[in-house]
Amino acid sequence: MSLTFLLTSLVIVATPGTGALFTIAAGISRGARASLVAAAGCTLGIVPHLAAAITGTAALLQASGVAFQTVKVLGVAYLLSMAWTTWRDTSALSVTDDRTPRSARRVVLSAVLVNLLNPKLTIFFFAFLPQFAPRDSPQALTRLLALSAVFMLMTFVVFALYGVFAASVRSHLLARPRLVDRVRQAFALSFLALGAKLATTART
């Protein structure tokens, strides 16, 4: 396993993005269990990117301006929707003593959508990963799947750590509702910034 691959993957995973923010938000609002479910959902959201890289959908997106713009618009719209919902709906990131768990299915679905439209993952699987699994190699598919599995495991572990840490400071926020509002607004602005960044992404 290439050290370059491991280090680059760690940097990509650890850099705060939509998935990390979603997992941290789950940890703050619902606790450690919800953050682990969110981390698992974000990890599952990687699978479509892997499937696209294997089937050649990446080439289609690169070749077709319409396809690329469609995916980009969907991603921007979803991020802006998350920003608006997070800013306006206090229940989205409210920290309460309510132990009623949010449906795991809903958390996973939201997490999958977050990473499904994550441009950072698109770049990783369509541009970076193929460098370590040349198509002319007889073991290309096997190596691609193995490297992807390592990346997914790394994603789950890092996101879980983020979420559990966020859950650990949850109790400190219970007595500080104004701080909770600031945290919620910070998440909303982060989603907005990610959406603006994606909107300016050009097809390479």
Protein backbone atom coordinates (compact mmCIF):
# COMPACT_ATOMS: atom_id res chain seq x y z
CA MET A 1 0.00 0.00 0.00
CA SER A 2 1.51 3.31 -1.10
CA LEU A 3 2.38 5.74 1.68
CA THR A 4 1.50 8.57 -0.69
CA PHE A 5 -1.98 7.13 -1.13
CA LEU A 6 -2.51 6.76 2.63
CA LEU A 7 -1.30 10.26 3.47
CA THR A 8 -3.26 11.92 0.67
CA SER A 9 -6.39 9.98 1.58
CA LEU A 10 -6.04 10.99 5.22
CA VAL A 11 -5.73 14.65 4.27
CA ILE A 12 -8.80 14.42 2.02
CA VAL A 13 -10.86 12.62 4.66
CA ALA A 14 -9.75 14.78 7.61
CA THR A 15 -10.31 18.08 5.80
CA PRO A 16 -13.71 19.32 7.01
CA GLY A 17 -16.33 19.00 4.29
CA THR A 18 -20.03 18.30 3.97
CA GLY A 19 -19.77 14.78 5.43
CA ALA A 20 -17.69 15.84 8.42
CA LEU A 21 -19.99 18.77 9.14
CA PHE A 22 -23.05 16.53 8.93
CA THR A 23 -21.51 13.99 11.33
CA ILE A 24 -20.43 16.67 13.80
CA ALA A 25 -23.91 18.20 13.67
CA ALA A 26 -25.42 14.79 14.42
CA GLY A 27 -23.10 14.34 17.39
CA ILE A 28 -23.96 17.74 18.84
CA SER A 29 -27.69 17.49 18.29
CA ARG A 30 -28.37 13.81 19.07
CA GLY A 31 -25.33 12.30 20.70
CA ALA A 32 -22.68 9.67 19.95
CA ARG A 33 -25.04 7.03 18.53
CA ALA A 34 -26.45 9.42 15.95
CA SER A 35 -22.95 10.54 14.97
CA LEU A 36 -21.87 6.94 14.35
CA VAL A 37 -24.96 6.35 12.21
CA ALA A 38 -24.17 9.54 10.28
CA ALA A 39 -20.55 8.44 9.82
CA ALA A 40 -21.75 5.11 8.45
CA GLY A 41 -24.16 6.88 6.10
CA CYS A 42 -21.43 9.19 4.80
CA THR A 43 -19.25 6.14 4.21
CA LEU A 44 -22.03 4.49 2.21
CA GLY A 45 -22.26 7.70 0.18
CA ILE A 46 -18.82 6.88 -1.20
CA VAL A 47 -20.08 3.76 -3.01
CA PRO A 48 -21.77 5.63 -5.91
CA HIS A 49 -18.51 7.50 -6.59
CA LEU A 50 -16.64 4.21 -6.67
CA ALA A 51 -19.24 2.67 -8.97
CA ALA A 52 -19.02 5.67 -11.31
CA ALA A 53 -15.24 5.43 -11.42
CA ILE A 54 -15.41 1.73 -12.27
CA THR A 55 -18.13 1.98 -14.93
CA GLY A 56 -16.68 4.99 -16.69
CA THR A 57 -19.34 7.51 -15.68
CA ALA A 58 -16.48 9.82 -14.80
CA ALA A 59 -15.51 10.02 -18.46
CA LEU A 60 -19.11 10.89 -19.36
CA LEU A 61 -19.19 13.71 -16.83
CA GLN A 62 -15.89 15.05 -18.10
CA ALA A 63 -16.93 14.80 -21.76
CA SER A 64 -20.48 16.12 -21.42
CA GLY A 65 -20.87 19.70 -20.30
CA VAL A 66 -24.61 19.20 -19.77
CA ALA A 67 -24.09 16.16 -17.50
CA PHE A 68 -21.44 17.96 -15.49
CA GLN A 69 -23.55 21.08 -15.08
CA THR A 70 -26.56 19.01 -14.04
CA VAL A 71 -24.62 17.23 -11.29
CA LYS A 72 -23.10 20.52 -10.16
CA VAL A 73 -26.46 22.31 -10.01
CA LEU A 74 -27.95 19.44 -7.98
CA GLY A 75 -25.03 19.59 -5.56
CA VAL A 76 -25.26 23.36 -5.15
CA ALA A 77 -29.03 23.20 -4.66
CA TYR A 78 -28.74 20.52 -1.98
CA LEU A 79 -26.01 22.40 -0.09
CA LEU A 80 -28.00 25.64 -0.20
CA SER A 81 -31.06 23.74 1.01
CA MET A 82 -29.06 22.38 3.94
CA ALA A 83 -27.76 25.86 4.73
CA TRP A 84 -31.27 27.35 4.69
CA THR A 85 -32.79 24.53 6.74
CA THR A 86 -30.00 24.62 9.31
CA TRP A 87 -30.24 28.40 9.70
CA ARG A 88 -34.02 28.57 9.92
CA ASP A 89 -34.98 25.35 11.67
CA THR A 90 -33.65 25.44 15.22
CA SER A 91 -34.62 21.84 15.76
CA ALA A 92 -32.03 20.72 13.21
CA LEU A 93 -29.15 21.50 15.55
CA SER A 94 -30.87 22.12 18.82
CA VAL A 95 -29.26 20.47 21.81
CA THR A 96 -31.85 19.09 24.19
CA ASP A 97 -32.26 16.33 26.71
CA ASP A 98 -34.66 14.53 24.38
CA ARG A 99 -33.28 11.01 24.05
CA THR A 100 -35.77 9.96 21.38
CA PRO A 101 -33.49 8.89 18.52
CA ARG A 102 -34.05 10.24 15.06
CA SER A 103 -34.82 7.48 12.58
CA ALA A 104 -31.55 5.79 11.62
CA ARG A 105 -32.90 5.41 8.08
CA ARG A 106 -33.43 9.17 7.77
CA VAL A 107 -29.96 9.91 9.13
CA VAL A 108 -28.32 7.44 6.75
CA LEU A 109 -30.32 8.72 3.76
CA SER A 110 -29.36 12.32 4.49
CA ALA A 111 -25.72 11.33 5.00
CA VAL A 112 -25.63 9.40 1.71
CA LEU A 113 -27.06 12.40 -0.14
CA VAL A 114 -24.47 14.67 1.49
CA ASN A 115 -21.55 12.59 0.22
CA LEU A 116 -23.23 11.63 -3.04
CA LEU A 117 -22.99 15.26 -4.17
CA ASN A 118 -19.60 15.89 -2.57
CA PRO A 119 -17.24 17.32 -5.24
CA LYS A 120 -14.21 16.40 -3.15
CA LEU A 121 -15.04 12.72 -3.51
CA THR A 122 -15.64 13.11 -7.23
CA ILE A 123 -12.16 14.53 -7.69
CA PHE A 124 -10.62 11.79 -5.54
CA PHE A 125 -12.20 8.85 -7.35
CA PHE A 126 -12.05 10.27 -10.88
CA ALA A 127 -8.61 11.90 -10.85
CA PHE A 128 -6.49 10.72 -7.93
CA LEU A 129 -7.38 7.07 -7.30
CA PRO A 130 -6.80 5.82 -10.90
CA GLN A 131 -3.15 6.82 -10.56
CA PHE A 132 -2.70 3.92 -8.13
CA ALA A 133 -4.65 1.39 -10.21
CA PRO A 134 -3.57 1.66 -13.87
CA ARG A 135 -6.21 0.33 -16.27
CA ASP A 136 -3.64 -1.73 -18.19
CA SER A 137 -2.76 -3.70 -15.06
CA PRO A 138 -4.33 -7.21 -14.85
CA GLN A 139 -5.16 -6.55 -11.20
CA ALA A 140 -6.52 -3.04 -11.77
CA LEU A 141 -10.08 -3.73 -10.59
CA THR A 142 -8.96 -5.69 -7.53
CA ARG A 143 -6.51 -2.97 -6.55
CA LEU A 144 -9.10 -0.25 -7.14
CA LEU A 145 -11.58 -2.00 -4.86
CA ALA A 146 -8.91 -2.61 -2.18
CA LEU A 147 -7.80 1.03 -2.17
CA SER A 148 -11.41 2.17 -2.09
CA ALA A 149 -12.09 -0.09 0.89
CA VAL A 150 -9.16 1.45 2.74
CA PHE A 151 -10.46 4.94 1.91
CA MET A 152 -13.95 4.06 3.13
CA LEU A 153 -12.62 2.57 6.37
CA MET A 154 -10.53 5.68 6.93
CA THR A 155 -13.58 7.85 6.27
CA PHE A 156 -15.70 6.02 8.81
CA VAL A 157 -13.01 6.11 11.52
CA VAL A 158 -12.21 9.81 11.08
CA PHE A 159 -15.86 10.86 10.86
CA ALA A 160 -16.73 8.72 13.87
CA LEU A 161 -13.99 10.43 15.88
CA TYR A 162 -15.31 13.82 14.82
CA GLY A 163 -18.85 12.85 15.79
CA VAL A 164 -17.97 11.24 19.13
CA PHE A 165 -15.89 14.27 20.08
CA ALA A 166 -18.80 16.55 19.19
CA ALA A 167 -21.10 14.38 21.29
CA SER A 168 -18.67 14.58 24.21
CA VAL A 169 -19.04 18.37 24.40
CA ARG A 170 -22.80 18.14 23.99
CA SER A 171 -23.46 18.41 27.72
CA HIS A 172 -21.47 21.65 27.88
CA LEU A 173 -23.82 23.16 25.31
CA LEU A 174 -26.99 22.23 27.17
CA ALA A 175 -26.60 25.20 29.50
CA ARG A 176 -25.58 27.56 26.70
CA PRO A 177 -28.48 27.94 24.25
CA ARG A 178 -26.96 31.07 22.70
CA LEU A 179 -23.79 29.14 21.94
CA VAL A 180 -25.92 26.45 20.31
CA ASP A 181 -27.40 29.11 18.04
CA ARG A 182 -23.91 30.26 17.09
CA VAL A 183 -22.86 26.69 16.30
CA ARG A 184 -25.97 26.17 14.19
CA GLN A 185 -25.31 29.40 12.28
CA ALA A 186 -21.68 28.42 11.75
CA PHE A 187 -22.79 25.13 10.19
CA ALA A 188 -25.28 26.95 7.97
CA LEU A 189 -22.60 29.36 6.75
CA SER A 190 -20.22 26.44 6.16
CA PHE A 191 -22.77 24.68 3.96
CA LEU A 192 -23.35 27.97 2.13
CA ALA A 193 -19.60 28.39 1.55
CA LEU A 194 -19.30 24.81 0.25
CA GLY A 195 -22.19 25.45 -2.11
CA ALA A 196 -20.56 28.64 -3.41
CA LYS A 197 -17.28 26.77 -3.92
CA LEU A 198 -19.00 24.04 -5.88
CA ALA A 199 -20.86 26.61 -8.00
CA THR A 200 -17.52 28.04 -9.17
CA THR A 201 -16.00 24.62 -9.93
CA ALA A 202 -15.10 24.30 -13.59
CA ARG A 203 -15.06 21.13 -15.67
CA THR A 204 -11.45 20.01 -16.24
